[in-house]
Amino acid sequence: MYAAVVTSFNAPPRFAQMDAPEPHGEHEVVVDVLASGLHPRVRSQANGSHYTSTDVLPLVPGIDGVGRLADGRIVYFILPDTTMGAMAEQTVIDLRRSVFLADDLDPVMLAAAMNPGMSSWVGLRRRLDFQPGCSVLVMGATGSAGRMAVQIAKHLGAAHVVGAGRDQVLLDALPGLGADATVSLEGDAEQVARRLGEMASEVDVVIDYLWGAPTEAAVTALLTARTDRGRAMTWLQVGSAAGPTAALPSVAFRSANFRVVGSGQGSVPTTGILAELPELATQIVRGVFVVNPVTVPLAGVERAWTTPTVPGERVVIVPTSD
């Protein structure tokens, strides 16, 4: 069979032949892959930088996807940590980590939306006591996951959602996705701090895809401008697009009702993540969320890896030579 194969962490995967996978565990089966998303998490898997990565090569990237079982049924699946990922004509899945789907759904749409949607959906539902009527700030709202987070926060009952990001064109589009206000993160630190303080200091939850310097500045700006520091603010850390570390002042934790919680692989049990998949998949299939997938054939995976993506779009690899 053909697959995207990584032979060096310093090079993109290449379209190559390899042996077809074989199931070994009681609950494992082979599926024909229909679509698999090229997520940031997949890129970090392929370059060895993700915190779950090992040094084992070669590997096939891809952490989730939509596949067809031998009996014709369609499933969305999440793979365990494995060197046999989803960007191949076939892969091995664990049925306990899968959701059965209707035959007439769009596999590309689901492959594009489940992973970026899962970050905020699981975080809000599993890592904190999110209540309808809360107000939310999304840091990094112009990325694919951030755009989904704006929509998911609204869908789950947020009364007020603020989207913060750098791309002004995408910021201007956020109200159409449910954002009540937007904040530009462009400009010097003082300007950005002032905007955040004016527009988002009263939020209950921050969903953060950036971390790094933007978070360092935002924490101080929000807490300084907050009218009641005794009112709880929860910082949901789900991504690190702007840097892996952030230096937060200790006074932020002493002078305000402020806490930081992470949401990701490890902080939420696999059983908890799997429990959330059916409802999220249902909402995606119903068309509740706006998704912008772009399909690339498996044979073009190297080109997809090295070609800059259009902001707001999510590349989906489909095993076809068309």
C-alpha atoms as a PDB file:
ATOM      1  CA  MET A   1       0.000   0.000   0.000  1.00  0.00           C
ATOM      2  CA  TYR A   2       0.975   3.670  -0.227  1.00  0.00           C
ATOM      3  CA  ALA A   3       1.494   5.992   2.724  1.00  0.00           C
ATOM      4  CA  ALA A   4       3.094   9.236   3.824  1.00  0.00           C
ATOM      5  CA  VAL A   5       6.372   8.079   5.350  1.00  0.00           C
ATOM      6  CA  VAL A   6       8.659  10.065   7.659  1.00  0.00           C
ATOM      7  CA  THR A   7      12.268   8.867   7.558  1.00  0.00           C
ATOM      8  CA  SER A   8      13.842  11.965   9.111  1.00  0.00           C
ATOM      9  CA  PHE A   9      12.493  14.442  11.666  1.00  0.00           C
ATOM     10  CA  ASN A  10      14.152  17.188   9.608  1.00  0.00           C
ATOM     11  CA  ALA A  11      12.264  16.461   6.386  1.00  0.00           C
ATOM     12  CA  PRO A  12       8.611  16.274   5.350  1.00  0.00           C
ATOM     13  CA  PRO A  13       6.971  12.891   4.820  1.00  0.00           C
ATOM     14  CA  ARG A  14       7.165  11.362   1.358  1.00  0.00           C
ATOM     15  CA  PHE A  15       4.697   9.327  -0.649  1.00  0.00           C
ATOM     16  CA  ALA A  16       6.045   5.786  -0.609  1.00  0.00           C
ATOM     17  CA  GLN A  17       5.087   2.138  -0.605  1.00  0.00           C
ATOM     18  CA  MET A  18       5.110   0.093   2.586  1.00  0.00           C
ATOM     19  CA  ASP A  19       3.696  -3.125   3.938  1.00  0.00           C
ATOM     20  CA  ALA A  20       0.002  -3.118   4.743  1.00  0.00           C
ATOM     21  CA  PRO A  21      -0.681  -2.996   8.499  1.00  0.00           C
ATOM     22  CA  GLU A  22      -1.997  -5.958  10.444  1.00  0.00           C
ATOM     23  CA  PRO A  23      -4.164  -5.922  13.568  1.00  0.00           C
ATOM     24  CA  HIS A  24      -2.848  -7.628  16.693  1.00  0.00           C
ATOM     25  CA  GLY A  25      -5.065  -6.712  19.647  1.00  0.00           C
ATOM     26  CA  GLU A  26      -8.523  -8.079  20.384  1.00  0.00           C
ATOM     27  CA  HIS A  27     -10.243  -4.824  19.445  1.00  0.00           C
ATOM     28  CA  GLU A  28      -8.023  -3.881  16.499  1.00  0.00           C
ATOM     29  CA  VAL A  29      -9.182  -3.893  12.876  1.00  0.00           C
ATOM     30  CA  VAL A  30      -7.858  -2.592   9.571  1.00  0.00           C
ATOM     31  CA  VAL A  31      -9.734   0.267   7.920  1.00  0.00           C
ATOM     32  CA  ASP A  32      -9.516   1.864   4.522  1.00  0.00           C
ATOM     33  CA  VAL A  33      -8.715   5.496   5.286  1.00  0.00           C
ATOM     34  CA  LEU A  34     -11.077   7.990   3.654  1.00  0.00           C
ATOM     35  CA  ALA A  35      -9.667  11.244   5.068  1.00  0.00           C
ATOM     36  CA  SER A  36      -7.157  12.454   7.658  1.00  0.00           C
ATOM     37  CA  GLY A  37      -6.506  16.022   8.790  1.00  0.00           C
ATOM     38  CA  LEU A  38      -3.122  17.730   8.671  1.00  0.00           C
ATOM     39  CA  HIS A  39      -3.307  19.321  12.113  1.00  0.00           C
ATOM     40  CA  PRO A  40      -0.537  21.149  13.995  1.00  0.00           C
ATOM     41  CA  ARG A  41      -0.480  18.122  16.301  1.00  0.00           C
ATOM     42  CA  VAL A  42       0.330  15.942  13.275  1.00  0.00           C
ATOM     43  CA  ARG A  43       3.180  18.229  12.245  1.00  0.00           C
ATOM     44  CA  SER A  44       4.695  18.016  15.723  1.00  0.00           C
ATOM     45  CA  GLN A  45       4.310  14.241  15.573  1.00  0.00           C
ATOM     46  CA  ALA A  46       6.180  14.141  12.262  1.00  0.00           C
ATOM     47  CA  ASN A  47       9.039  16.410  13.351  1.00  0.00           C
ATOM     48  CA  GLY A  48       9.462  14.710  16.728  1.00  0.00           C
ATOM     49  CA  SER A  49       8.682  17.798  18.812  1.00  0.00           C
ATOM     50  CA  HIS A  50       5.413  16.694  20.462  1.00  0.00           C
ATOM     51  CA  TYR A  51       5.707  15.730  24.124  1.00  0.00           C
ATOM     52  CA  THR A  52       4.458  12.212  23.335  1.00  0.00           C
ATOM     53  CA  SER A  53       6.945  11.692  20.499  1.00  0.00           C
ATOM     54  CA  THR A  54       9.610   9.001  20.466  1.00  0.00           C
ATOM     55  CA  ASP A  55      12.697   8.643  18.288  1.00  0.00           C
ATOM     56  CA  VAL A  56      11.284   5.687  16.368  1.00  0.00           C
ATOM     57  CA  LEU A  57      11.500   5.981  12.580  1.00  0.00           C
ATOM     58  CA  PRO A  58      10.169   5.431  10.012  1.00  0.00           C
ATOM     59  CA  LEU A  59       6.659   6.532  10.932  1.00  0.00           C
ATOM     60  CA  VAL A  60       3.416   7.333   9.182  1.00  0.00           C
ATOM     61  CA  PRO A  61       1.901  10.575  10.560  1.00  0.00           C
ATOM     62  CA  GLY A  62      -1.755  11.186  11.240  1.00  0.00           C
ATOM     63  CA  ILE A  63      -3.507  10.969  14.595  1.00  0.00           C
ATOM     64  CA  ASP A  64      -7.146  10.656  13.559  1.00  0.00           C
ATOM     65  CA  GLY A  65      -9.365  10.265  10.544  1.00  0.00           C
ATOM     66  CA  VAL A  66     -12.407   8.752   8.925  1.00  0.00           C
ATOM     67  CA  GLY A  67     -12.253   5.178   7.659  1.00  0.00           C
ATOM     68  CA  ARG A  68     -14.327   2.367   6.209  1.00  0.00           C
ATOM     69  CA  LEU A  69     -14.451  -1.032   7.880  1.00  0.00           C
ATOM     70  CA  ALA A  70     -14.426  -4.274   5.927  1.00  0.00           C
ATOM     71  CA  ASP A  71     -18.206  -4.553   6.394  1.00  0.00           C
ATOM     72  CA  GLY A  72     -18.727  -1.102   4.880  1.00  0.00           C
ATOM     73  CA  ARG A  73     -19.458   0.825   8.063  1.00  0.00           C
ATOM     74  CA  ILE A  74     -17.899   4.281   8.435  1.00  0.00           C
ATOM     75  CA  VAL A  75     -16.035   5.328  11.577  1.00  0.00           C
ATOM     76  CA  TYR A  76     -14.225   8.330  12.954  1.00  0.00           C
ATOM     77  CA  PHE A  77     -11.171   7.105  14.835  1.00  0.00           C
ATOM     78  CA  ILE A  78      -8.460   8.417  17.130  1.00  0.00           C
ATOM     79  CA  LEU A  79      -5.197   6.521  17.027  1.00  0.00           C
ATOM     80  CA  PRO A  80      -3.050   5.716  20.050  1.00  0.00           C
ATOM     81  CA  ASP A  81       0.602   6.750  20.056  1.00  0.00           C
ATOM     82  CA  THR A  82       1.822   4.709  17.114  1.00  0.00           C
ATOM     83  CA  THR A  83       4.204   4.775  14.170  1.00  0.00           C
ATOM     84  CA  MET A  84       1.362   3.602  11.892  1.00  0.00           C
ATOM     85  CA  GLY A  85      -0.681   6.760  11.514  1.00  0.00           C
ATOM     86  CA  ALA A  86      -3.703   7.701   9.447  1.00  0.00           C
ATOM     87  CA  MET A  87      -2.010   9.191   6.387  1.00  0.00           C
ATOM     88  CA  ALA A  88      -2.023   5.943   4.456  1.00  0.00           C
ATOM     89  CA  GLU A  89      -4.364   3.923   2.324  1.00  0.00           C
ATOM     90  CA  GLN A  90      -4.996   1.713   5.340  1.00  0.00           C
ATOM     91  CA  THR A  91      -4.332   1.838   9.062  1.00  0.00           C
ATOM     92  CA  VAL A  92      -5.132  -0.194  12.175  1.00  0.00           C
ATOM     93  CA  ILE A  93      -7.665   1.246  14.594  1.00  0.00           C
ATOM     94  CA  ASP A  94      -8.968   0.251  17.997  1.00  0.00           C
ATOM     95  CA  LEU A  95     -12.758   0.050  17.835  1.00  0.00           C
ATOM     96  CA  ARG A  96     -12.913   1.308  21.418  1.00  0.00           C
ATOM     97  CA  ARG A  97     -11.398   4.590  20.201  1.00  0.00           C
ATOM     98  CA  SER A  98     -13.878   4.986  17.339  1.00  0.00           C
ATOM     99  CA  VAL A  99     -17.309   6.434  16.647  1.00  0.00           C
ATOM    100  CA  PHE A 100     -19.641   4.874  14.092  1.00  0.00           C
ATOM    101  CA  LEU A 101     -21.016   7.368  11.584  1.00  0.00           C
ATOM    102  CA  ALA A 102     -23.796   7.616   9.051  1.00  0.00           C
ATOM    103  CA  ASP A 103     -22.905   6.492   5.541  1.00  0.00           C
ATOM    104  CA  ASP A 104     -23.926   9.747   3.872  1.00  0.00           C
ATOM    105  CA  LEU A 105     -21.706  12.158   5.828  1.00  0.00           C
ATOM    106  CA  ASP A 106     -18.819  14.112   4.347  1.00  0.00           C
ATOM    107  CA  PRO A 107     -15.633  12.389   5.621  1.00  0.00           C
ATOM    108  CA  VAL A 108     -13.476  15.364   4.603  1.00  0.00           C
ATOM    109  CA  MET A 109     -15.542  17.784   6.680  1.00  0.00           C
ATOM    110  CA  LEU A 110     -15.343  15.546   9.719  1.00  0.00           C
ATOM    111  CA  ALA A 111     -11.614  14.917   9.341  1.00  0.00           C
ATOM    112  CA  ALA A 112     -11.047  18.665   9.102  1.00  0.00           C
ATOM    113  CA  ALA A 113     -13.151  19.640  12.093  1.00  0.00           C
ATOM    114  CA  MET A 114     -12.918  16.975  14.795  1.00  0.00           C
ATOM    115  CA  ASN A 115      -9.347  17.596  15.959  1.00  0.00           C
ATOM    116  CA  PRO A 116      -9.452  21.413  16.077  1.00  0.00           C
ATOM    117  CA  GLY A 117     -12.938  21.294  17.562  1.00  0.00           C
ATOM    118  CA  MET A 118     -11.981  18.723  20.161  1.00  0.00           C
ATOM    119  CA  SER A 119      -9.495  21.042  21.870  1.00  0.00           C
ATOM    120  CA  SER A 120     -12.090  23.549  23.038  1.00  0.00           C
ATOM    121  CA  TRP A 121     -15.035  21.127  23.214  1.00  0.00           C
ATOM    122  CA  VAL A 122     -13.244  18.701  25.528  1.00  0.00           C
ATOM    123  CA  GLY A 123     -11.560  21.503  27.463  1.00  0.00           C
ATOM    124  CA  LEU A 124     -14.788  23.337  28.233  1.00  0.00           C
ATOM    125  CA  ARG A 125     -16.719  20.184  29.049  1.00  0.00           C
ATOM    126  CA  ARG A 126     -14.074  18.159  30.869  1.00  0.00           C
ATOM    127  CA  ARG A 127     -11.508  20.508  32.415  1.00  0.00           C
ATOM    128  CA  LEU A 128     -13.676  23.163  34.023  1.00  0.00           C
ATOM    129  CA  ASP A 129     -17.222  23.798  35.175  1.00  0.00           C
ATOM    130  CA  PHE A 130     -18.332  25.786  32.154  1.00  0.00           C
ATOM    131  CA  GLN A 131     -21.790  27.243  32.616  1.00  0.00           C
ATOM    132  CA  PRO A 132     -24.145  28.833  30.065  1.00  0.00           C
ATOM    133  CA  GLY A 133     -23.952  32.583  30.370  1.00  0.00           C
ATOM    134  CA  CYS A 134     -20.181  32.667  30.896  1.00  0.00           C
ATOM    135  CA  SER A 135     -18.000  35.072  28.941  1.00  0.00           C
ATOM    136  CA  VAL A 136     -15.028  33.772  26.982  1.00  0.00           C
ATOM    137  CA  LEU A 137     -11.847  35.143  25.421  1.00  0.00           C
ATOM    138  CA  VAL A 138     -10.165  33.058  22.710  1.00  0.00           C
ATOM    139  CA  MET A 139      -6.464  33.820  22.356  1.00  0.00           C
ATOM    140  CA  GLY A 140      -5.456  32.797  18.834  1.00  0.00           C
ATOM    141  CA  ALA A 141      -8.984  32.998  17.466  1.00  0.00           C
ATOM    142  CA  THR A 142      -7.831  33.399  13.864  1.00  0.00           C
ATOM    143  CA  GLY A 143      -6.385  29.870  13.607  1.00  0.00           C
ATOM    144  CA  SER A 144      -8.460  26.839  12.663  1.00  0.00           C
ATOM    145  CA  ALA A 145      -8.827  25.638  16.248  1.00  0.00           C
ATOM    146  CA  GLY A 146      -9.440  29.178  17.486  1.00  0.00           C
ATOM    147  CA  ARG A 147     -12.191  29.739  14.945  1.00  0.00           C
ATOM    148  CA  MET A 148     -13.805  26.507  16.075  1.00  0.00           C
ATOM    149  CA  ALA A 149     -13.422  27.578  19.717  1.00  0.00           C
ATOM    150  CA  VAL A 150     -15.388  30.771  19.072  1.00  0.00           C
ATOM    151  CA  GLN A 151     -18.208  28.733  17.558  1.00  0.00           C
ATOM    152  CA  ILE A 152     -18.122  25.998  20.191  1.00  0.00           C
ATOM    153  CA  ALA A 153     -18.118  28.447  23.094  1.00  0.00           C
ATOM    154  CA  LYS A 154     -21.237  30.069  21.653  1.00  0.00           C
ATOM    155  CA  HIS A 155     -22.836  26.693  20.960  1.00  0.00           C
ATOM    156  CA  LEU A 156     -22.255  25.612  24.563  1.00  0.00           C
ATOM    157  CA  GLY A 157     -23.980  28.717  25.854  1.00  0.00           C
ATOM    158  CA  ALA A 158     -21.401  31.492  26.227  1.00  0.00           C
ATOM    159  CA  ALA A 159     -23.154  34.825  26.517  1.00  0.00           C
ATOM    160  CA  HIS A 160     -20.209  36.879  25.279  1.00  0.00           C
ATOM    161  CA  VAL A 161     -17.226  35.710  23.214  1.00  0.00           C
ATOM    162  CA  VAL A 162     -14.172  37.810  22.397  1.00  0.00           C
ATOM    163  CA  GLY A 163     -11.744  36.675  19.711  1.00  0.00           C
ATOM    164  CA  ALA A 164      -8.122  37.848  19.798  1.00  0.00           C
ATOM    165  CA  GLY A 165      -5.596  37.389  17.008  1.00  0.00           C
ATOM    166  CA  ARG A 166      -3.255  39.086  14.552  1.00  0.00           C
ATOM    167  CA  ASP A 167      -4.795  38.574  11.127  1.00  0.00           C
ATOM    168  CA  GLN A 168      -7.191  41.485  10.691  1.00  0.00           C
ATOM    169  CA  VAL A 169      -9.050  39.918   7.778  1.00  0.00           C
ATOM    170  CA  LEU A 170      -9.818  36.811   9.820  1.00  0.00           C
ATOM    171  CA  LEU A 171     -10.621  38.908  12.884  1.00  0.00           C
ATOM    172  CA  ASP A 172     -13.189  40.804  10.822  1.00  0.00           C
ATOM    173  CA  ALA A 173     -14.808  37.474   9.902  1.00  0.00           C
ATOM    174  CA  LEU A 174     -15.189  36.269  13.510  1.00  0.00           C
ATOM    175  CA  PRO A 175     -18.495  38.054  14.215  1.00  0.00           C
ATOM    176  CA  GLY A 176     -19.984  35.897  11.477  1.00  0.00           C
ATOM    177  CA  LEU A 177     -18.929  32.859  13.520  1.00  0.00           C
ATOM    178  CA  GLY A 178     -20.436  34.119  16.758  1.00  0.00           C
ATOM    179  CA  ALA A 179     -17.841  36.488  18.235  1.00  0.00           C
ATOM    180  CA  ASP A 180     -19.357  39.472  20.028  1.00  0.00           C
ATOM    181  CA  ALA A 181     -16.098  41.439  19.935  1.00  0.00           C
ATOM    182  CA  THR A 182     -12.556  41.134  18.595  1.00  0.00           C
ATOM    183  CA  VAL A 183      -9.157  42.325  19.776  1.00  0.00           C
ATOM    184  CA  SER A 184      -6.134  42.776  17.539  1.00  0.00           C
ATOM    185  CA  LEU A 185      -2.865  41.473  18.966  1.00  0.00           C
ATOM    186  CA  GLU A 186      -0.855  43.506  16.460  1.00  0.00           C
ATOM    187  CA  GLY A 187       1.137  46.510  17.654  1.00  0.00           C
ATOM    188  CA  ASP A 188       3.360  47.233  20.611  1.00  0.00           C
ATOM    189  CA  ALA A 189       2.791  45.548  23.961  1.00  0.00           C
ATOM    190  CA  GLU A 190       1.274  48.613  25.573  1.00  0.00           C
ATOM    191  CA  GLN A 191      -1.324  49.014  22.818  1.00  0.00           C
ATOM    192  CA  VAL A 192      -2.266  45.343  22.937  1.00  0.00           C
ATOM    193  CA  ALA A 193      -2.542  45.417  26.743  1.00  0.00           C
ATOM    194  CA  ARG A 194      -4.842  48.423  26.584  1.00  0.00           C
ATOM    195  CA  ARG A 195      -7.115  46.753  24.013  1.00  0.00           C
ATOM    196  CA  LEU A 196      -7.307  43.538  26.008  1.00  0.00           C
ATOM    197  CA  GLY A 197      -8.055  45.420  29.197  1.00  0.00           C
ATOM    198  CA  GLU A 198     -10.836  47.378  27.545  1.00  0.00           C
ATOM    199  CA  MET A 199     -12.472  44.495  25.675  1.00  0.00           C
ATOM    200  CA  ALA A 200     -11.879  41.324  27.692  1.00  0.00           C
ATOM    201  CA  SER A 201     -10.985  42.042  31.324  1.00  0.00           C
ATOM    202  CA  GLU A 202     -14.313  40.730  32.638  1.00  0.00           C
ATOM    203  CA  VAL A 203     -14.278  37.314  30.966  1.00  0.00           C
ATOM    204  CA  ASP A 204     -14.764  34.151  32.993  1.00  0.00           C
ATOM    205  CA  VAL A 205     -12.743  31.808  30.756  1.00  0.00           C
ATOM    206  CA  VAL A 206      -9.747  32.282  28.460  1.00  0.00           C
ATOM    207  CA  ILE A 207      -9.102  29.585  25.841  1.00  0.00           C
ATOM    208  CA  ASP A 208      -5.447  29.996  24.948  1.00  0.00           C
ATOM    209  CA  TYR A 209      -3.882  28.618  21.761  1.00  0.00           C
ATOM    210  CA  LEU A 210      -0.869  30.967  21.877  1.00  0.00           C
ATOM    211  CA  TRP A 211       1.000  30.866  25.204  1.00  0.00           C
ATOM    212  CA  GLY A 212       4.455  32.486  25.106  1.00  0.00           C
ATOM    213  CA  ALA A 213       4.809  36.271  25.097  1.00  0.00           C
ATOM    214  CA  PRO A 214       1.149  37.002  24.171  1.00  0.00           C
ATOM    215  CA  THR A 215      -0.036  35.152  27.265  1.00  0.00           C
ATOM    216  CA  GLU A 216       2.518  36.851  29.514  1.00  0.00           C
ATOM    217  CA  ALA A 217       1.199  40.241  28.406  1.00  0.00           C
ATOM    218  CA  ALA A 218      -2.468  39.251  28.414  1.00  0.00           C
ATOM    219  CA  VAL A 219      -2.554  37.850  31.955  1.00  0.00           C
ATOM    220  CA  THR A 220      -1.233  41.070  33.452  1.00  0.00           C
ATOM    221  CA  ALA A 221      -3.431  43.249  31.244  1.00  0.00           C
ATOM    222  CA  LEU A 222      -6.642  41.388  32.035  1.00  0.00           C
ATOM    223  CA  LEU A 223      -6.123  41.088  35.771  1.00  0.00           C
ATOM    224  CA  THR A 224      -4.979  44.699  36.130  1.00  0.00           C
ATOM    225  CA  ALA A 225      -8.118  45.990  34.402  1.00  0.00           C
ATOM    226  CA  ARG A 226     -10.519  43.573  36.119  1.00  0.00           C
ATOM    227  CA  THR A 227     -13.059  45.389  38.279  1.00  0.00           C
ATOM    228  CA  ASP A 228     -13.516  42.496  40.716  1.00  0.00           C
ATOM    229  CA  ARG A 229     -10.411  40.368  41.137  1.00  0.00           C
ATOM    230  CA  GLY A 230     -12.320  38.043  43.440  1.00  0.00           C
ATOM    231  CA  ARG A 231     -14.432  36.905  40.505  1.00  0.00           C
ATOM    232  CA  ALA A 232     -12.991  33.675  39.114  1.00  0.00           C
ATOM    233  CA  MET A 233     -11.050  33.648  35.849  1.00  0.00           C
ATOM    234  CA  THR A 234      -9.938  30.298  34.456  1.00  0.00           C
ATOM    235  CA  TRP A 235      -7.171  30.177  31.851  1.00  0.00           C
ATOM    236  CA  LEU A 236      -7.612  27.065  29.694  1.00  0.00           C
ATOM    237  CA  GLN A 237      -4.221  26.297  28.143  1.00  0.00           C
ATOM    238  CA  VAL A 238      -4.628  24.210  24.980  1.00  0.00           C
ATOM    239  CA  GLY A 239      -1.900  25.328  22.566  1.00  0.00           C
ATOM    240  CA  SER A 240       1.490  26.990  22.287  1.00  0.00           C
ATOM    241  CA  ALA A 241       1.637  28.530  18.820  1.00  0.00           C
ATOM    242  CA  ALA A 242       3.579  31.544  20.131  1.00  0.00           C
ATOM    243  CA  GLY A 243       6.005  29.646  22.346  1.00  0.00           C
ATOM    244  CA  PRO A 244       6.304  26.658  24.695  1.00  0.00           C
ATOM    245  CA  THR A 245       6.880  28.692  27.865  1.00  0.00           C
ATOM    246  CA  ALA A 246       5.356  31.756  29.488  1.00  0.00           C
ATOM    247  CA  ALA A 247       6.672  33.653  32.510  1.00  0.00           C
ATOM    248  CA  LEU A 248       3.627  34.492  34.639  1.00  0.00           C
ATOM    249  CA  PRO A 249       4.044  36.849  37.604  1.00  0.00           C
ATOM    250  CA  SER A 250       3.407  35.213  40.956  1.00  0.00           C
ATOM    251  CA  VAL A 251       1.267  38.163  41.983  1.00  0.00           C
ATOM    252  CA  ALA A 252      -1.290  37.110  39.375  1.00  0.00           C
ATOM    253  CA  PHE A 253      -2.058  34.023  41.466  1.00  0.00           C
ATOM    254  CA  ARG A 254      -2.037  35.858  44.805  1.00  0.00           C
ATOM    255  CA  SER A 255      -3.938  39.006  43.940  1.00  0.00           C
ATOM    256  CA  ALA A 256      -6.807  37.508  41.954  1.00  0.00           C
ATOM    257  CA  ASN A 257      -9.079  34.488  41.789  1.00  0.00           C
ATOM    258  CA  PHE A 258      -7.064  33.189  38.860  1.00  0.00           C
ATOM    259  CA  ARG A 259      -6.137  29.666  37.854  1.00  0.00           C
ATOM    260  CA  VAL A 260      -4.519  27.972  34.873  1.00  0.00           C
ATOM    261  CA  VAL A 261      -5.583  24.500  33.738  1.00  0.00           C
ATOM    262  CA  GLY A 262      -4.326  22.539  30.783  1.00  0.00           C
ATOM    263  CA  SER A 263      -6.353  20.452  28.398  1.00  0.00           C
ATOM    264  CA  GLY A 264      -4.778  17.888  26.131  1.00  0.00           C
ATOM    265  CA  GLN A 265      -3.554  14.346  25.796  1.00  0.00           C
ATOM    266  CA  GLY A 266      -2.852  13.181  29.331  1.00  0.00           C
ATOM    267  CA  SER A 267      -4.763  15.823  31.281  1.00  0.00           C
ATOM    268  CA  VAL A 268      -8.055  14.342  30.092  1.00  0.00           C
ATOM    269  CA  PRO A 269      -8.354  10.532  30.299  1.00  0.00           C
ATOM    270  CA  THR A 270      -8.850   8.778  26.986  1.00  0.00           C
ATOM    271  CA  THR A 271     -12.246   7.597  28.204  1.00  0.00           C
ATOM    272  CA  GLY A 272     -13.257  11.198  28.804  1.00  0.00           C
ATOM    273  CA  ILE A 273     -12.180  12.295  25.341  1.00  0.00           C
ATOM    274  CA  LEU A 274     -13.953   9.376  23.692  1.00  0.00           C
ATOM    275  CA  ALA A 275     -17.145  10.126  25.603  1.00  0.00           C
ATOM    276  CA  GLU A 276     -17.269  13.572  23.997  1.00  0.00           C
ATOM    277  CA  LEU A 277     -16.743  12.435  20.400  1.00  0.00           C
ATOM    278  CA  PRO A 278     -20.274  11.326  19.433  1.00  0.00           C
ATOM    279  CA  GLU A 279     -21.917  14.628  20.296  1.00  0.00           C
ATOM    280  CA  LEU A 280     -19.181  16.713  18.681  1.00  0.00           C
ATOM    281  CA  ALA A 281     -19.345  14.578  15.534  1.00  0.00           C
ATOM    282  CA  THR A 282     -23.122  14.956  15.467  1.00  0.00           C
ATOM    283  CA  GLN A 283     -22.894  18.748  15.589  1.00  0.00           C
ATOM    284  CA  ILE A 284     -20.242  18.843  12.851  1.00  0.00           C
ATOM    285  CA  VAL A 285     -22.272  16.572  10.590  1.00  0.00           C
ATOM    286  CA  ARG A 286     -25.353  18.731  11.194  1.00  0.00           C
ATOM    287  CA  GLY A 287     -23.435  21.717   9.872  1.00  0.00           C
ATOM    288  CA  VAL A 288     -23.542  23.635  13.152  1.00  0.00           C
ATOM    289  CA  PHE A 289     -19.950  24.846  12.705  1.00  0.00           C
ATOM    290  CA  VAL A 290     -18.321  26.574   9.749  1.00  0.00           C
ATOM    291  CA  VAL A 291     -15.365  24.521   8.488  1.00  0.00           C
ATOM    292  CA  ASN A 292     -13.062  25.256   5.539  1.00  0.00           C
ATOM    293  CA  PRO A 293     -11.359  22.028   4.441  1.00  0.00           C
ATOM    294  CA  VAL A 294      -8.948  21.772   1.516  1.00  0.00           C
ATOM    295  CA  THR A 295      -8.290  18.285   0.156  1.00  0.00           C
ATOM    296  CA  VAL A 296      -4.879  17.076  -1.000  1.00  0.00           C
ATOM    297  CA  PRO A 297      -4.321  13.579  -2.425  1.00  0.00           C
ATOM    298  CA  LEU A 298      -2.004  11.312  -0.485  1.00  0.00           C
ATOM    299  CA  ALA A 299       0.466  11.431  -3.369  1.00  0.00           C
ATOM    300  CA  GLY A 300       0.802  15.187  -2.779  1.00  0.00           C
ATOM    301  CA  VAL A 301       1.576  14.961   0.935  1.00  0.00           C
ATOM    302  CA  GLU A 302       5.091  16.402   0.619  1.00  0.00           C
ATOM    303  CA  ARG A 303       3.715  19.418  -1.240  1.00  0.00           C
ATOM    304  CA  ALA A 304       0.982  19.842   1.361  1.00  0.00           C
ATOM    305  CA  TRP A 305       3.584  19.773   4.137  1.00  0.00           C
ATOM    306  CA  THR A 306       5.749  22.488   2.632  1.00  0.00           C
ATOM    307  CA  THR A 307       3.123  24.787   1.098  1.00  0.00           C
ATOM    308  CA  PRO A 308       1.926  27.570   3.417  1.00  0.00           C
ATOM    309  CA  THR A 309      -1.738  27.123   4.274  1.00  0.00           C
ATOM    310  CA  VAL A 310      -4.339  29.827   3.894  1.00  0.00           C
ATOM    311  CA  PRO A 311      -5.378  31.062   7.345  1.00  0.00           C
ATOM    312  CA  GLY A 312      -8.725  29.616   8.324  1.00  0.00           C
ATOM    313  CA  GLU A 313      -8.360  26.525   6.136  1.00  0.00           C
ATOM    314  CA  ARG A 314      -7.536  22.971   7.223  1.00  0.00           C
ATOM    315  CA  VAL A 315      -5.723  20.582   4.880  1.00  0.00           C
ATOM    316  CA  VAL A 316      -7.183  17.079   4.675  1.00  0.00           C
ATOM    317  CA  ILE A 317      -5.236  14.214   3.098  1.00  0.00           C
ATOM    318  CA  VAL A 318      -7.351  11.796   1.070  1.00  0.00           C
ATOM    319  CA  PRO A 319      -5.913   8.495  -0.227  1.00  0.00           C
ATOM    320  CA  THR A 320      -6.629   8.978  -3.915  1.00  0.00           C
ATOM    321  CA  SER A 321      -4.432   9.673  -6.913  1.00  0.00           C
ATOM    322  CA  ASP A 322      -6.985  12.032  -8.491  1.00  0.00           C
END
